[in-house]
């Protein structure tokens, strides 16, 4: 697996809402205390507002879309979750190569992805090779 950032999670969105069910399916015996660096803030209520430059209008509960009901889900750091998932992947034998950006896919004769071409390192914003070029 390749990762553009210095470590897994470096380029992930800072926060997210986690539905814990998929994690429970992947790791049925895991306890939330066993997931390091993840502070789980349980969502217990739902309040939605319509916001524009001048006003904020509270949307009545009966108008809330069902798919946006996040009660019993958690607010977490996606970067921290990705770091932890990377450790679990490495335990299963996955090799992770940080600081490597993918440039393009390589396809086999059947059209399946067979690999990836890595981008050059050390290229300046101007597109010219810098002193750290590899």
N, C-alpha and C. Protein backbone atom coordinates (compact mmCIF):
# COMPACT_ATOMS: atom_id res chain seq x y z
N UNK A 1 0.85 -1.16 0.00
CA UNK A 1 0.00 0.00 0.00
C UNK A 1 0.89 1.22 0.00
N UNK A 2 0.54 2.23 -0.77
CA UNK A 2 1.30 3.47 -0.77
C UNK A 2 0.51 4.59 -0.10
N UNK A 3 1.23 5.53 0.45
CA UNK A 3 0.62 6.68 1.14
C UNK A 3 1.43 7.91 0.78
N UNK A 4 0.75 8.93 0.31
CA UNK A 4 1.43 10.17 -0.09
C UNK A 4 2.07 10.87 1.11
N UNK A 5 1.43 10.85 2.25
CA UNK A 5 1.91 11.57 3.42
C UNK A 5 3.06 10.88 4.12
N UNK A 6 3.62 11.58 5.11
CA UNK A 6 4.74 11.02 5.88
C UNK A 6 4.31 9.80 6.69
N UNK A 7 3.04 9.76 7.09
CA UNK A 7 2.49 8.60 7.78
C UNK A 7 1.04 8.43 7.37
N UNK A 8 0.52 7.24 7.60
CA UNK A 8 -0.88 6.96 7.26
C UNK A 8 -1.76 7.93 8.04
N UNK A 9 -2.71 8.52 7.36
CA UNK A 9 -3.63 9.44 8.00
C UNK A 9 -3.24 10.90 7.87
N UNK A 10 -2.03 11.18 7.38
CA UNK A 10 -1.56 12.56 7.29
C UNK A 10 -2.41 13.41 6.34
N UNK A 11 -3.00 12.79 5.35
CA UNK A 11 -3.79 13.54 4.37
C UNK A 11 -5.29 13.29 4.53
N UNK A 12 -5.68 12.72 5.65
CA UNK A 12 -7.10 12.42 5.88
C UNK A 12 -7.81 13.65 6.45
N UNK A 13 -9.10 13.70 6.22
CA UNK A 13 -9.91 14.77 6.78
C UNK A 13 -9.79 14.71 8.30
N UNK A 14 -9.80 15.85 8.95
CA UNK A 14 -9.55 15.87 10.39
C UNK A 14 -10.63 15.22 11.23
N UNK A 15 -11.87 15.35 10.84
CA UNK A 15 -12.93 14.79 11.66
C UNK A 15 -13.97 14.09 10.81
N UNK A 16 -14.68 13.18 11.43
CA UNK A 16 -15.72 12.45 10.70
C UNK A 16 -16.72 11.85 11.67
N UNK A 17 -17.81 11.38 11.13
CA UNK A 17 -18.79 10.64 11.92
C UNK A 17 -18.61 9.17 11.60
N UNK A 18 -18.42 8.37 12.63
CA UNK A 18 -18.18 6.94 12.47
C UNK A 18 -19.40 6.14 12.89
N UNK A 19 -19.91 5.35 11.98
CA UNK A 19 -20.92 4.33 12.32
C UNK A 19 -20.11 3.12 12.78
N UNK A 20 -20.22 2.71 14.03
CA UNK A 20 -19.35 1.66 14.56
C UNK A 20 -19.63 0.25 14.01
N UNK A 21 -20.75 0.05 13.33
CA UNK A 21 -21.11 -1.30 12.88
C UNK A 21 -20.07 -1.95 11.97
N UNK A 22 -19.54 -1.27 10.95
CA UNK A 22 -18.53 -1.92 10.10
C UNK A 22 -17.27 -2.33 10.87
N UNK A 23 -16.84 -1.49 11.83
CA UNK A 23 -15.67 -1.86 12.63
C UNK A 23 -15.96 -3.09 13.48
N UNK A 24 -17.18 -3.18 14.00
CA UNK A 24 -17.56 -4.35 14.81
C UNK A 24 -17.58 -5.61 13.95
N UNK A 25 -17.94 -5.46 12.66
CA UNK A 25 -17.93 -6.62 11.76
C UNK A 25 -16.49 -7.05 11.45
N UNK A 26 -15.60 -6.08 11.23
CA UNK A 26 -14.20 -6.39 10.94
C UNK A 26 -13.48 -6.94 12.17
N UNK A 27 -13.74 -6.36 13.32
CA UNK A 27 -13.06 -6.71 14.56
C UNK A 27 -14.11 -7.00 15.63
N UNK A 28 -14.75 -8.17 15.60
CA UNK A 28 -15.89 -8.43 16.50
C UNK A 28 -15.52 -8.40 17.98
N UNK A 29 -14.27 -8.68 18.33
CA UNK A 29 -13.90 -8.74 19.75
C UNK A 29 -13.22 -7.46 20.24
N UNK A 30 -13.11 -6.46 19.40
CA UNK A 30 -12.39 -5.24 19.78
C UNK A 30 -13.24 -4.39 20.73
N UNK A 31 -12.57 -3.81 21.70
CA UNK A 31 -13.22 -2.86 22.61
C UNK A 31 -12.70 -1.47 22.25
N UNK A 32 -13.55 -0.45 22.40
CA UNK A 32 -13.14 0.88 21.97
C UNK A 32 -11.88 1.37 22.67
N UNK A 33 -11.62 0.86 23.87
CA UNK A 33 -10.41 1.25 24.60
C UNK A 33 -9.15 0.71 23.92
N UNK A 34 -9.31 -0.30 23.07
CA UNK A 34 -8.17 -0.91 22.40
C UNK A 34 -7.77 -0.16 21.14
N UNK A 35 -8.53 0.84 20.75
CA UNK A 35 -8.20 1.63 19.57
C UNK A 35 -7.46 2.86 20.06
N UNK A 36 -6.13 2.90 19.91
CA UNK A 36 -5.35 4.01 20.47
C UNK A 36 -5.60 5.32 19.72
N UNK A 37 -5.43 6.41 20.44
CA UNK A 37 -5.52 7.76 19.90
C UNK A 37 -6.89 8.13 19.35
N UNK A 38 -7.89 7.33 19.62
CA UNK A 38 -9.22 7.67 19.13
C UNK A 38 -10.11 7.97 20.32
N UNK A 39 -10.50 9.23 20.40
CA UNK A 39 -11.43 9.63 21.44
C UNK A 39 -12.82 9.59 20.83
N UNK A 40 -13.63 8.66 21.28
CA UNK A 40 -14.96 8.50 20.73
C UNK A 40 -15.94 9.40 21.47
N UNK A 41 -16.51 10.34 20.76
CA UNK A 41 -17.53 11.22 21.33
C UNK A 41 -18.86 10.75 20.76
N UNK A 42 -19.66 10.10 21.59
CA UNK A 42 -20.93 9.55 21.14
C UNK A 42 -21.93 10.66 20.83
N UNK A 43 -22.60 10.52 19.69
CA UNK A 43 -23.62 11.48 19.29
C UNK A 43 -24.93 11.04 19.92
N UNK A 44 -25.53 11.94 20.70
CA UNK A 44 -26.74 11.58 21.43
C UNK A 44 -27.98 12.33 20.97
N UNK A 45 -27.80 13.35 20.14
CA UNK A 45 -28.93 14.16 19.71
C UNK A 45 -28.69 14.62 18.28
N UNK A 46 -29.73 15.12 17.65
CA UNK A 46 -29.55 15.66 16.30
C UNK A 46 -30.23 17.01 16.21
N UNK A 47 -29.48 17.96 15.72
CA UNK A 47 -29.99 19.31 15.50
C UNK A 47 -29.43 19.77 14.16
N UNK A 48 -30.30 20.19 13.27
CA UNK A 48 -29.88 20.66 11.97
C UNK A 48 -30.31 22.10 11.78
N UNK A 49 -29.44 22.85 11.12
CA UNK A 49 -29.72 24.24 10.82
C UNK A 49 -29.45 24.48 9.33
N UNK A 50 -30.26 25.34 8.74
CA UNK A 50 -29.98 25.87 7.41
C UNK A 50 -29.21 27.16 7.65
N UNK A 51 -28.02 27.25 7.08
CA UNK A 51 -27.15 28.40 7.34
C UNK A 51 -26.77 29.06 6.03
N UNK A 52 -26.89 30.39 6.00
CA UNK A 52 -26.34 31.16 4.89
C UNK A 52 -25.55 32.32 5.48
N UNK A 53 -25.15 33.27 4.67
CA UNK A 53 -24.30 34.36 5.16
C UNK A 53 -24.96 35.22 6.23
N UNK A 54 -26.29 35.29 6.22
CA UNK A 54 -26.97 36.21 7.13
C UNK A 54 -27.77 35.54 8.24
N UNK A 55 -28.23 34.32 8.02
CA UNK A 55 -29.14 33.72 9.01
C UNK A 55 -28.80 32.26 9.30
N UNK A 56 -29.40 31.79 10.38
CA UNK A 56 -29.34 30.39 10.74
C UNK A 56 -30.75 30.00 11.18
N UNK A 57 -31.34 29.01 10.48
CA UNK A 57 -32.70 28.60 10.77
C UNK A 57 -32.68 27.15 11.22
N UNK A 58 -33.22 26.89 12.41
CA UNK A 58 -33.30 25.53 12.92
C UNK A 58 -34.36 24.76 12.14
N UNK A 59 -33.99 23.55 11.69
CA UNK A 59 -34.90 22.71 10.92
C UNK A 59 -35.64 21.80 11.88
N UNK A 60 -36.98 21.78 11.84
CA UNK A 60 -37.75 20.92 12.76
C UNK A 60 -37.40 19.44 12.58
N UNK A 61 -37.46 18.70 13.67
CA UNK A 61 -37.09 17.29 13.67
C UNK A 61 -37.81 16.43 12.66
N UNK A 62 -39.08 16.69 12.41
CA UNK A 62 -39.82 15.84 11.47
C UNK A 62 -39.33 16.01 10.03
N UNK A 63 -38.52 17.04 9.76
CA UNK A 63 -37.97 17.25 8.42
C UNK A 63 -36.56 16.69 8.25
N UNK A 64 -35.98 16.15 9.32
CA UNK A 64 -34.62 15.62 9.23
C UNK A 64 -34.61 14.34 8.39
N UNK A 65 -33.75 14.27 7.39
CA UNK A 65 -33.66 13.03 6.61
C UNK A 65 -33.15 11.88 7.48
N UNK A 66 -33.74 10.69 7.33
CA UNK A 66 -33.37 9.54 8.15
C UNK A 66 -31.88 9.20 8.02
N UNK A 67 -31.33 9.31 6.79
CA UNK A 67 -29.93 8.95 6.58
C UNK A 67 -28.96 9.91 7.26
N UNK A 68 -29.44 11.05 7.75
CA UNK A 68 -28.58 11.98 8.48
C UNK A 68 -28.71 11.84 9.99
N UNK A 69 -29.44 10.85 10.44
CA UNK A 69 -29.57 10.62 11.88
C UNK A 69 -28.34 9.87 12.36
N UNK A 70 -27.47 10.55 13.06
CA UNK A 70 -26.20 9.97 13.49
C UNK A 70 -26.18 9.61 14.97
N UNK A 71 -27.35 9.57 15.61
CA UNK A 71 -27.36 9.16 17.01
C UNK A 71 -26.78 7.76 17.12
N UNK A 72 -26.02 7.51 18.17
CA UNK A 72 -25.31 6.26 18.43
C UNK A 72 -24.09 6.07 17.54
N UNK A 73 -23.75 7.07 16.74
CA UNK A 73 -22.49 7.08 16.03
C UNK A 73 -21.51 7.93 16.82
N UNK A 74 -20.27 8.08 16.31
CA UNK A 74 -19.24 8.78 17.05
C UNK A 74 -18.55 9.83 16.20
N UNK A 75 -18.16 10.92 16.83
CA UNK A 75 -17.29 11.91 16.20
C UNK A 75 -15.86 11.49 16.49
N UNK A 76 -15.06 11.32 15.43
CA UNK A 76 -13.68 10.87 15.63
C UNK A 76 -12.74 11.60 14.68
N UNK A 77 -11.45 11.37 14.85
CA UNK A 77 -10.43 11.83 13.92
C UNK A 77 -10.20 10.74 12.89
N UNK A 78 -10.45 11.03 11.63
CA UNK A 78 -10.25 10.04 10.57
C UNK A 78 -8.77 9.70 10.44
N UNK A 79 -7.90 10.69 10.62
CA UNK A 79 -6.46 10.43 10.55
C UNK A 79 -6.02 9.40 11.57
N UNK A 80 -6.53 9.52 12.81
CA UNK A 80 -6.16 8.55 13.86
C UNK A 80 -6.74 7.16 13.56
N UNK A 81 -7.95 7.12 13.04
CA UNK A 81 -8.53 5.83 12.68
C UNK A 81 -7.70 5.18 11.59
N UNK A 82 -7.28 5.95 10.59
CA UNK A 82 -6.47 5.40 9.51
C UNK A 82 -5.12 4.89 10.02
N UNK A 83 -4.52 5.60 10.97
CA UNK A 83 -3.26 5.13 11.57
C UNK A 83 -3.46 3.76 12.22
N UNK A 84 -4.52 3.62 12.97
CA UNK A 84 -4.79 2.36 13.66
C UNK A 84 -5.09 1.24 12.67
N UNK A 85 -5.88 1.54 11.63
CA UNK A 85 -6.18 0.53 10.61
C UNK A 85 -4.91 0.11 9.88
N UNK A 86 -3.97 1.05 9.69
CA UNK A 86 -2.70 0.71 9.04
C UNK A 86 -1.92 -0.29 9.89
N UNK A 87 -1.93 -0.10 11.21
CA UNK A 87 -1.25 -1.05 12.09
C UNK A 87 -1.87 -2.44 11.99
N UNK A 88 -3.19 -2.48 11.94
CA UNK A 88 -3.90 -3.76 11.79
C UNK A 88 -3.55 -4.41 10.46
N UNK A 89 -3.46 -3.61 9.40
CA UNK A 89 -3.11 -4.14 8.07
C UNK A 89 -1.69 -4.70 8.08
N UNK A 90 -0.77 -4.00 8.73
CA UNK A 90 0.62 -4.49 8.82
C UNK A 90 0.69 -5.80 9.58
N UNK A 91 -0.14 -5.94 10.63
CA UNK A 91 -0.18 -7.21 11.37
C UNK A 91 -0.60 -8.36 10.47
N UNK A 92 -1.37 -8.06 9.42
CA UNK A 92 -1.83 -9.08 8.48
C UNK A 92 -0.86 -9.27 7.31
N UNK A 93 0.27 -8.53 7.33
CA UNK A 93 1.28 -8.71 6.29
C UNK A 93 1.27 -7.69 5.17
N UNK A 94 0.46 -6.64 5.29
CA UNK A 94 0.43 -5.60 4.26
C UNK A 94 1.67 -4.72 4.44
N UNK A 95 2.37 -4.45 3.34
CA UNK A 95 3.52 -3.55 3.37
C UNK A 95 3.03 -2.15 3.02
N UNK A 96 3.40 -1.17 3.84
CA UNK A 96 2.95 0.20 3.64
C UNK A 96 4.18 1.06 3.35
N UNK A 97 4.09 1.83 2.28
CA UNK A 97 5.20 2.67 1.84
C UNK A 97 4.76 4.14 1.88
N UNK A 98 5.07 4.84 3.00
CA UNK A 98 4.69 6.25 3.09
C UNK A 98 5.58 7.11 2.19
N UNK A 99 5.13 8.35 2.01
CA UNK A 99 5.84 9.34 1.19
C UNK A 99 6.02 8.88 -0.26
N UNK A 100 5.01 8.20 -0.78
CA UNK A 100 5.02 7.76 -2.18
C UNK A 100 3.66 8.07 -2.79
N UNK A 101 3.65 9.00 -3.72
CA UNK A 101 2.40 9.37 -4.39
C UNK A 101 2.22 8.52 -5.64
N UNK A 102 1.02 8.01 -5.82
CA UNK A 102 0.71 7.26 -7.03
C UNK A 102 0.51 8.22 -8.20
N UNK A 103 1.07 7.87 -9.35
CA UNK A 103 0.94 8.73 -10.53
C UNK A 103 -0.07 8.17 -11.52
N UNK A 104 -0.02 6.85 -11.76
CA UNK A 104 -0.98 6.23 -12.68
C UNK A 104 -1.03 4.73 -12.43
N UNK A 105 -2.13 4.12 -12.83
CA UNK A 105 -2.30 2.68 -12.69
C UNK A 105 -1.61 1.95 -13.84
N UNK A 106 -1.19 0.72 -13.55
CA UNK A 106 -0.67 -0.19 -14.58
C UNK A 106 -1.70 -1.30 -14.70
N UNK A 107 -2.15 -1.58 -15.93
CA UNK A 107 -3.18 -2.58 -16.17
C UNK A 107 -2.59 -3.80 -16.86
N UNK A 108 -3.11 -4.98 -16.52
CA UNK A 108 -2.69 -6.19 -17.22
C UNK A 108 -3.48 -6.33 -18.52
N UNK A 109 -3.24 -7.41 -19.27
CA UNK A 109 -3.87 -7.57 -20.59
C UNK A 109 -5.39 -7.74 -20.50
N UNK A 110 -5.90 -8.09 -19.30
CA UNK A 110 -7.35 -8.24 -19.10
C UNK A 110 -8.02 -6.97 -18.58
N UNK A 111 -7.24 -5.91 -18.42
CA UNK A 111 -7.80 -4.65 -17.96
C UNK A 111 -7.86 -4.52 -16.45
N UNK A 112 -7.28 -5.48 -15.72
CA UNK A 112 -7.25 -5.41 -14.26
C UNK A 112 -6.05 -4.59 -13.80
N UNK A 113 -6.20 -3.91 -12.68
CA UNK A 113 -5.08 -3.15 -12.13
C UNK A 113 -4.02 -4.14 -11.65
N UNK A 114 -2.80 -3.96 -12.18
CA UNK A 114 -1.70 -4.86 -11.82
C UNK A 114 -0.64 -4.15 -10.99
N UNK A 115 -0.70 -2.84 -10.93
CA UNK A 115 0.29 -2.09 -10.17
C UNK A 115 0.03 -0.60 -10.29
N UNK A 116 1.01 0.16 -9.84
CA UNK A 116 0.89 1.61 -9.89
C UNK A 116 2.27 2.20 -10.15
N UNK A 117 2.31 3.26 -10.94
CA UNK A 117 3.55 4.00 -11.18
C UNK A 117 3.61 5.10 -10.12
N UNK A 118 4.75 5.19 -9.44
CA UNK A 118 4.91 6.21 -8.41
C UNK A 118 5.36 7.52 -9.03
N UNK A 119 4.93 8.61 -8.42
CA UNK A 119 5.35 9.94 -8.88
C UNK A 119 6.76 10.23 -8.41
N UNK A 120 7.40 11.17 -9.08
CA UNK A 120 8.75 11.58 -8.70
C UNK A 120 8.71 12.34 -7.39
N UNK A 121 9.76 12.17 -6.59
CA UNK A 121 9.89 12.93 -5.34
C UNK A 121 10.84 14.09 -5.58
N UNK A 122 10.58 15.19 -4.91
CA UNK A 122 11.49 16.33 -4.98
C UNK A 122 11.28 17.23 -6.18
N UNK A 123 10.11 17.18 -6.79
CA UNK A 123 9.82 18.07 -7.89
C UNK A 123 9.26 19.38 -7.32
N UNK A 124 9.79 20.49 -7.75
CA UNK A 124 9.34 21.79 -7.25
C UNK A 124 7.98 22.15 -7.84
N UNK A 125 7.32 23.14 -7.26
CA UNK A 125 6.02 23.59 -7.76
C UNK A 125 6.11 24.02 -9.22
N UNK A 126 7.27 24.49 -9.62
CA UNK A 126 7.47 24.93 -11.00
C UNK A 126 7.52 23.74 -11.96
N UNK A 127 7.66 22.51 -11.42
CA UNK A 127 7.78 21.33 -12.25
C UNK A 127 9.22 20.90 -12.50
N UNK A 128 10.17 21.72 -12.04
CA UNK A 128 11.59 21.40 -12.23
C UNK A 128 12.10 20.54 -11.07
N UNK A 129 13.14 19.76 -11.36
CA UNK A 129 13.74 18.90 -10.33
C UNK A 129 14.40 19.75 -9.27
N UNK A 130 14.09 19.45 -8.00
CA UNK A 130 14.69 20.16 -6.88
C UNK A 130 15.88 19.40 -6.34
N UNK A 131 16.50 19.95 -5.30
CA UNK A 131 17.67 19.32 -4.71
C UNK A 131 17.37 17.98 -4.05
N UNK A 132 16.11 17.72 -3.71
CA UNK A 132 15.70 16.44 -3.08
C UNK A 132 15.11 15.46 -4.10
N UNK A 133 15.29 15.73 -5.40
CA UNK A 133 14.69 14.90 -6.44
C UNK A 133 15.17 13.45 -6.36
N UNK A 134 14.21 12.52 -6.49
CA UNK A 134 14.53 11.08 -6.50
C UNK A 134 13.81 10.44 -7.65
